[in-house]
Amino acid sequence: MKRKALPTVAAPDPDQIMMAGVAPVSVGERLGWLAEQPMQPRREQRPLDIGFWDPMRNQIEMF
């Protein structure tokens, strides 16, 4: 299994200026934001179509 390449930080561009009162997003702030996001599955989930949750099954017959 190949590992993903580590992201690199670009050198500051002298042609860009920073607005007063604005700071770049730090790595800690970005990681905190990612930790607050709801968990998402890594792959598409298959529907649970067996047993009680089967849409083709008549659930009335179970009771």
PDB file of N, CA and C in Angstrom:
ATOM      1  N   MET A   1       0.837  -1.162   0.000  1.00  0.00           N
ATOM      2  CA  MET A   1       0.000   0.000   0.000  1.00  0.00           C
ATOM      3  C   MET A   1       0.895   1.243   0.000  1.00  0.00           C
ATOM      4  N   LYS A   2       0.644   2.139  -0.935  1.00  0.00           N
ATOM      5  CA  LYS A   2       1.438   3.352  -1.007  1.00  0.00           C
ATOM      6  C   LYS A   2       0.911   4.378  -0.018  1.00  0.00           C
ATOM      7  N   ARG A   3       1.824   5.115   0.552  1.00  0.00           N
ATOM      8  CA  ARG A   3       1.431   6.192   1.455  1.00  0.00           C
ATOM      9  C   ARG A   3       1.213   7.463   0.669  1.00  0.00           C
ATOM     10  N   LYS A   4       0.339   8.296   1.196  1.00  0.00           N
ATOM     11  CA  LYS A   4       0.097   9.574   0.554  1.00  0.00           C
ATOM     12  C   LYS A   4       1.300  10.480   0.765  1.00  0.00           C
ATOM     13  N   ALA A   5       1.558  11.323  -0.216  1.00  0.00           N
ATOM     14  CA  ALA A   5       2.654  12.273  -0.091  1.00  0.00           C
ATOM     15  C   ALA A   5       2.281  13.323   0.947  1.00  0.00           C
ATOM     16  N   LEU A   6       3.241  13.694   1.780  1.00  0.00           N
ATOM     17  CA  LEU A   6       2.983  14.708   2.795  1.00  0.00           C
ATOM     18  C   LEU A   6       2.790  16.064   2.141  1.00  0.00           C
ATOM     19  N   PRO A   7       1.842  16.845   2.647  1.00  0.00           N
ATOM     20  CA  PRO A   7       1.650  18.178   2.067  1.00  0.00           C
ATOM     21  C   PRO A   7       2.836  19.076   2.400  1.00  0.00           C
ATOM     22  N   THR A   8       3.150  19.938   1.473  1.00  0.00           N
ATOM     23  CA  THR A   8       4.255  20.873   1.695  1.00  0.00           C
ATOM     24  C   THR A   8       3.693  22.273   1.896  1.00  0.00           C
ATOM     25  N   VAL A   9       4.413  23.055   2.666  1.00  0.00           N
ATOM     26  CA  VAL A   9       4.010  24.428   2.930  1.00  0.00           C
ATOM     27  C   VAL A   9       4.770  25.321   1.956  1.00  0.00           C
ATOM     28  N   ALA A  10       4.006  26.102   1.214  1.00  0.00           N
ATOM     29  CA  ALA A  10       4.633  26.986   0.230  1.00  0.00           C
ATOM     30  C   ALA A  10       5.317  28.151   0.935  1.00  0.00           C
ATOM     31  N   ALA A  11       6.398  28.599   0.357  1.00  0.00           N
ATOM     32  CA  ALA A  11       7.105  29.761   0.908  1.00  0.00           C
ATOM     33  C   ALA A  11       6.230  30.999   0.742  1.00  0.00           C
ATOM     34  N   PRO A  12       6.316  31.952   1.674  1.00  0.00           N
ATOM     35  CA  PRO A  12       5.492  33.155   1.547  1.00  0.00           C
ATOM     36  C   PRO A  12       5.819  33.923   0.270  1.00  0.00           C
ATOM     37  N   ASP A  13       4.783  34.390  -0.392  1.00  0.00           N
ATOM     38  CA  ASP A  13       4.937  35.134  -1.638  1.00  0.00           C
ATOM     39  C   ASP A  13       5.124  36.615  -1.303  1.00  0.00           C
ATOM     40  N   PRO A  14       6.226  37.224  -1.694  1.00  0.00           N
ATOM     41  CA  PRO A  14       6.436  38.627  -1.356  1.00  0.00           C
ATOM     42  C   PRO A  14       5.467  39.563  -2.080  1.00  0.00           C
ATOM     43  N   ASP A  15       4.803  39.094  -3.147  1.00  0.00           N
ATOM     44  CA  ASP A  15       3.871  39.946  -3.871  1.00  0.00           C
ATOM     45  C   ASP A  15       2.500  40.007  -3.191  1.00  0.00           C
ATOM     46  N   GLN A  16       2.249  39.123  -2.231  1.00  0.00           N
ATOM     47  CA  GLN A  16       0.971  39.137  -1.530  1.00  0.00           C
ATOM     48  C   GLN A  16       1.134  39.868  -0.203  1.00  0.00           C
ATOM     49  N   ILE A  17       0.100  40.612   0.177  1.00  0.00           N
ATOM     50  CA  ILE A  17       0.136  41.314   1.450  1.00  0.00           C
ATOM     51  C   ILE A  17      -0.993  40.798   2.321  1.00  0.00           C
ATOM     52  N   MET A  18      -0.836  40.967   3.642  1.00  0.00           N
ATOM     53  CA  MET A  18      -1.839  40.517   4.594  1.00  0.00           C
ATOM     54  C   MET A  18      -2.632  41.722   5.067  1.00  0.00           C
ATOM     55  N   MET A  19      -3.949  41.572   5.104  1.00  0.00           N
ATOM     56  CA  MET A  19      -4.800  42.652   5.597  1.00  0.00           C
ATOM     57  C   MET A  19      -4.576  42.825   7.092  1.00  0.00           C
ATOM     58  N   ALA A  20      -4.742  44.042   7.569  1.00  0.00           N
ATOM     59  CA  ALA A  20      -4.572  44.312   8.994  1.00  0.00           C
ATOM     60  C   ALA A  20      -5.657  43.575   9.782  1.00  0.00           C
ATOM     61  N   GLY A  21      -5.269  42.916  10.872  1.00  0.00           N
ATOM     62  CA  GLY A  21      -6.221  42.212  11.720  1.00  0.00           C
ATOM     63  C   GLY A  21      -6.568  40.817  11.240  1.00  0.00           C
ATOM     64  N   VAL A  22      -5.971  40.344  10.171  1.00  0.00           N
ATOM     65  CA  VAL A  22      -6.248  39.016   9.632  1.00  0.00           C
ATOM     66  C   VAL A  22      -4.989  38.176   9.766  1.00  0.00           C
ATOM     67  N   ALA A  23      -5.146  36.976  10.298  1.00  0.00           N
ATOM     68  CA  ALA A  23      -4.008  36.067  10.450  1.00  0.00           C
ATOM     69  C   ALA A  23      -4.276  34.814   9.628  1.00  0.00           C
ATOM     70  N   PRO A  24      -3.242  34.190   9.110  1.00  0.00           N
ATOM     71  CA  PRO A  24      -3.459  32.950   8.360  1.00  0.00           C
ATOM     72  C   PRO A  24      -3.972  31.847   9.292  1.00  0.00           C
ATOM     73  N   VAL A  25      -4.673  30.898   8.717  1.00  0.00           N
ATOM     74  CA  VAL A  25      -5.211  29.778   9.492  1.00  0.00           C
ATOM     75  C   VAL A  25      -4.055  28.866   9.888  1.00  0.00           C
ATOM     76  N   SER A  26      -3.968  28.591  11.183  1.00  0.00           N
ATOM     77  CA  SER A  26      -2.879  27.742  11.658  1.00  0.00           C
ATOM     78  C   SER A  26      -3.245  26.267  11.476  1.00  0.00           C
ATOM     79  N   VAL A  27      -2.247  25.426  11.591  1.00  0.00           N
ATOM     80  CA  VAL A  27      -2.475  23.989  11.464  1.00  0.00           C
ATOM     81  C   VAL A  27      -3.389  23.508  12.588  1.00  0.00           C
ATOM     82  N   GLY A  28      -3.208  24.036  13.793  1.00  0.00           N
ATOM     83  CA  GLY A  28      -4.038  23.646  14.926  1.00  0.00           C
ATOM     84  C   GLY A  28      -5.496  24.028  14.713  1.00  0.00           C
ATOM     85  N   GLU A  29      -5.746  25.215  14.171  1.00  0.00           N
ATOM     86  CA  GLU A  29      -7.116  25.634  13.887  1.00  0.00           C
ATOM     87  C   GLU A  29      -7.751  24.751  12.818  1.00  0.00           C
ATOM     88  N   ARG A  30      -6.983  24.412  11.800  1.00  0.00           N
ATOM     89  CA  ARG A  30      -7.501  23.554  10.734  1.00  0.00           C
ATOM     90  C   ARG A  30      -7.820  22.154  11.265  1.00  0.00           C
ATOM     91  N   LEU A  31      -6.934  21.595  12.104  1.00  0.00           N
ATOM     92  CA  LEU A  31      -7.183  20.269  12.668  1.00  0.00           C
ATOM     93  C   LEU A  31      -8.368  20.297  13.630  1.00  0.00           C
ATOM     94  N   GLY A  32      -8.513  21.375  14.387  1.00  0.00           N
ATOM     95  CA  GLY A  32      -9.662  21.508  15.271  1.00  0.00           C
ATOM     96  C   GLY A  32     -10.959  21.557  14.495  1.00  0.00           C
ATOM     97  N   TRP A  33     -10.961  22.270  13.383  1.00  0.00           N
ATOM     98  CA  TRP A  33     -12.159  22.346  12.542  1.00  0.00           C
ATOM     99  C   TRP A  33     -12.495  20.975  11.979  1.00  0.00           C
ATOM    100  N   LEU A  34     -11.475  20.233  11.522  1.00  0.00           N
ATOM    101  CA  LEU A  34     -11.716  18.895  10.982  1.00  0.00           C
ATOM    102  C   LEU A  34     -12.251  17.950  12.055  1.00  0.00           C
ATOM    103  N   ALA A  35     -11.760  18.095  13.304  1.00  0.00           N
ATOM    104  CA  ALA A  35     -12.217  17.222  14.389  1.00  0.00           C
ATOM    105  C   ALA A  35     -13.669  17.504  14.747  1.00  0.00           C
ATOM    106  N   GLU A  36     -14.153  18.722  14.528  1.00  0.00           N
ATOM    107  CA  GLU A  36     -15.533  19.072  14.859  1.00  0.00           C
ATOM    108  C   GLU A  36     -16.528  18.631  13.789  1.00  0.00           C
ATOM    109  N   GLN A  37     -16.059  18.264  12.616  1.00  0.00           N
ATOM    110  CA  GLN A  37     -16.957  17.870  11.531  1.00  0.00           C
ATOM    111  C   GLN A  37     -17.520  16.483  11.804  1.00  0.00           C
ATOM    112  N   PRO A  38     -18.758  16.210  11.364  1.00  0.00           N
ATOM    113  CA  PRO A  38     -19.320  14.870  11.560  1.00  0.00           C
ATOM    114  C   PRO A  38     -18.527  13.827  10.770  1.00  0.00           C
ATOM    115  N   MET A  39     -18.482  12.636  11.331  1.00  0.00           N
ATOM    116  CA  MET A  39     -17.737  11.561  10.677  1.00  0.00           C
ATOM    117  C   MET A  39     -18.445  11.144   9.396  1.00  0.00           C
ATOM    118  N   GLN A  40     -17.698  10.883   8.358  1.00  0.00           N
ATOM    119  CA  GLN A  40     -18.224  10.449   7.074  1.00  0.00           C
ATOM    120  C   GLN A  40     -17.613   9.092   6.739  1.00  0.00           C
ATOM    121  N   PRO A  41     -18.385   8.211   6.104  1.00  0.00           N
ATOM    122  CA  PRO A  41     -17.811   6.916   5.716  1.00  0.00           C
ATOM    123  C   PRO A  41     -16.758   7.104   4.620  1.00  0.00           C
ATOM    124  N   ARG A  42     -15.773   6.247   4.628  1.00  0.00           N
ATOM    125  CA  ARG A  42     -14.714   6.341   3.616  1.00  0.00           C
ATOM    126  C   ARG A  42     -15.171   5.811   2.261  1.00  0.00           C
ATOM    127  N   ARG A  43     -16.109   4.862   2.285  1.00  0.00           N
ATOM    128  CA  ARG A  43     -16.664   4.305   1.047  1.00  0.00           C
ATOM    129  C   ARG A  43     -18.167   4.487   1.068  1.00  0.00           C
ATOM    130  N   GLU A  44     -18.772   4.348  -0.105  1.00  0.00           N
ATOM    131  CA  GLU A  44     -20.222   4.414  -0.190  1.00  0.00           C
ATOM    132  C   GLU A  44     -20.811   3.215   0.533  1.00  0.00           C
ATOM    133  N   GLN A  45     -21.812   3.456   1.362  1.00  0.00           N
ATOM    134  CA  GLN A  45     -22.419   2.393   2.152  1.00  0.00           C
ATOM    135  C   GLN A  45     -23.481   1.660   1.346  1.00  0.00           C
ATOM    136  N   ARG A  46     -23.528   0.349   1.506  1.00  0.00           N
ATOM    137  CA  ARG A  46     -24.563  -0.450   0.856  1.00  0.00           C
ATOM    138  C   ARG A  46     -25.814  -0.386   1.712  1.00  0.00           C
ATOM    139  N   PRO A  47     -26.993  -0.382   1.086  1.00  0.00           N
ATOM    140  CA  PRO A  47     -28.227  -0.343   1.881  1.00  0.00           C
ATOM    141  C   PRO A  47     -28.441  -1.660   2.620  1.00  0.00           C
ATOM    142  N   LEU A  48     -29.037  -1.565   3.801  1.00  0.00           N
ATOM    143  CA  LEU A  48     -29.351  -2.747   4.581  1.00  0.00           C
ATOM    144  C   LEU A  48     -30.717  -3.252   4.121  1.00  0.00           C
ATOM    145  N   ASP A  49     -30.736  -4.220   3.230  1.00  0.00           N
ATOM    146  CA  ASP A  49     -31.991  -4.698   2.646  1.00  0.00           C
ATOM    147  C   ASP A  49     -32.307  -6.128   3.079  1.00  0.00           C
ATOM    148  N   ILE A  50     -32.020  -6.433   4.321  1.00  0.00           N
ATOM    149  CA  ILE A  50     -32.348  -7.754   4.844  1.00  0.00           C
ATOM    150  C   ILE A  50     -33.176  -7.597   6.116  1.00  0.00           C
ATOM    151  N   GLY A  51     -33.933  -8.593   6.458  1.00  0.00           N
ATOM    152  CA  GLY A  51     -34.655  -8.600   7.711  1.00  0.00           C
ATOM    153  C   GLY A  51     -35.716  -7.529   7.796  1.00  0.00           C
ATOM    154  N   PHE A  52     -35.791  -6.865   8.917  1.00  0.00           N
ATOM    155  CA  PHE A  52     -36.838  -5.883   9.201  1.00  0.00           C
ATOM    156  C   PHE A  52     -36.771  -4.681   8.268  1.00  0.00           C
ATOM    157  N   TRP A  53     -35.575  -4.334   7.776  1.00  0.00           N
ATOM    158  CA  TRP A  53     -35.397  -3.132   6.968  1.00  0.00           C
ATOM    159  C   TRP A  53     -35.584  -3.375   5.470  1.00  0.00           C
ATOM    160  N   ASP A  54     -35.915  -4.573   5.078  1.00  0.00           N
ATOM    161  CA  ASP A  54     -36.097  -4.891   3.667  1.00  0.00           C
ATOM    162  C   ASP A  54     -37.366  -4.203   3.148  1.00  0.00           C
ATOM    163  N   PRO A  55     -37.254  -3.272   2.187  1.00  0.00           N
ATOM    164  CA  PRO A  55     -38.446  -2.560   1.719  1.00  0.00           C
ATOM    165  C   PRO A  55     -39.419  -3.479   0.972  1.00  0.00           C
ATOM    166  N   MET A  56     -38.971  -4.597   0.442  1.00  0.00           N
ATOM    167  CA  MET A  56     -39.850  -5.498  -0.306  1.00  0.00           C
ATOM    168  C   MET A  56     -40.608  -6.444   0.628  1.00  0.00           C
ATOM    169  N   ARG A  57     -40.248  -6.453   1.891  1.00  0.00           N
ATOM    170  CA  ARG A  57     -40.876  -7.370   2.830  1.00  0.00           C
ATOM    171  C   ARG A  57     -42.123  -6.713   3.434  1.00  0.00           C
ATOM    172  N   ASN A  58     -43.152  -7.474   3.616  1.00  0.00           N
ATOM    173  CA  ASN A  58     -44.359  -6.982   4.246  1.00  0.00           C
ATOM    174  C   ASN A  58     -44.155  -7.058   5.754  1.00  0.00           C
ATOM    175  N   GLN A  59     -43.939  -5.908   6.400  1.00  0.00           N
ATOM    176  CA  GLN A  59     -43.643  -5.915   7.832  1.00  0.00           C
ATOM    177  C   GLN A  59     -44.861  -6.292   8.673  1.00  0.00           C
ATOM    178  N   ILE A  60     -46.065  -6.172   8.130  1.00  0.00           N
ATOM    179  CA  ILE A  60     -47.267  -6.516   8.883  1.00  0.00           C
ATOM    180  C   ILE A  60     -47.268  -7.997   9.214  1.00  0.00           C
ATOM    181  N   GLU A  61     -46.733  -8.842   8.323  1.00  0.00           N
ATOM    182  CA  GLU A  61     -46.772 -10.286   8.566  1.00  0.00           C
ATOM    183  C   GLU A  61     -45.892 -10.688   9.734  1.00  0.00           C
ATOM    184  N   MET A  62     -44.990  -9.811  10.160  1.00  0.00           N
ATOM    185  CA  MET A  62     -44.098 -10.139  11.277  1.00  0.00           C
ATOM    186  C   MET A  62     -44.836 -10.035  12.614  1.00  0.00           C
ATOM    187  N   PHE A  63     -45.949  -9.301  12.664  1.00  0.00           N
ATOM    188  CA  PHE A  63     -46.628  -9.065  13.949  1.00  0.00           C
ATOM    189  C   PHE A  63     -47.872  -9.836  14.042  1.00  0.00           C
TER     190      PHE A  63
END
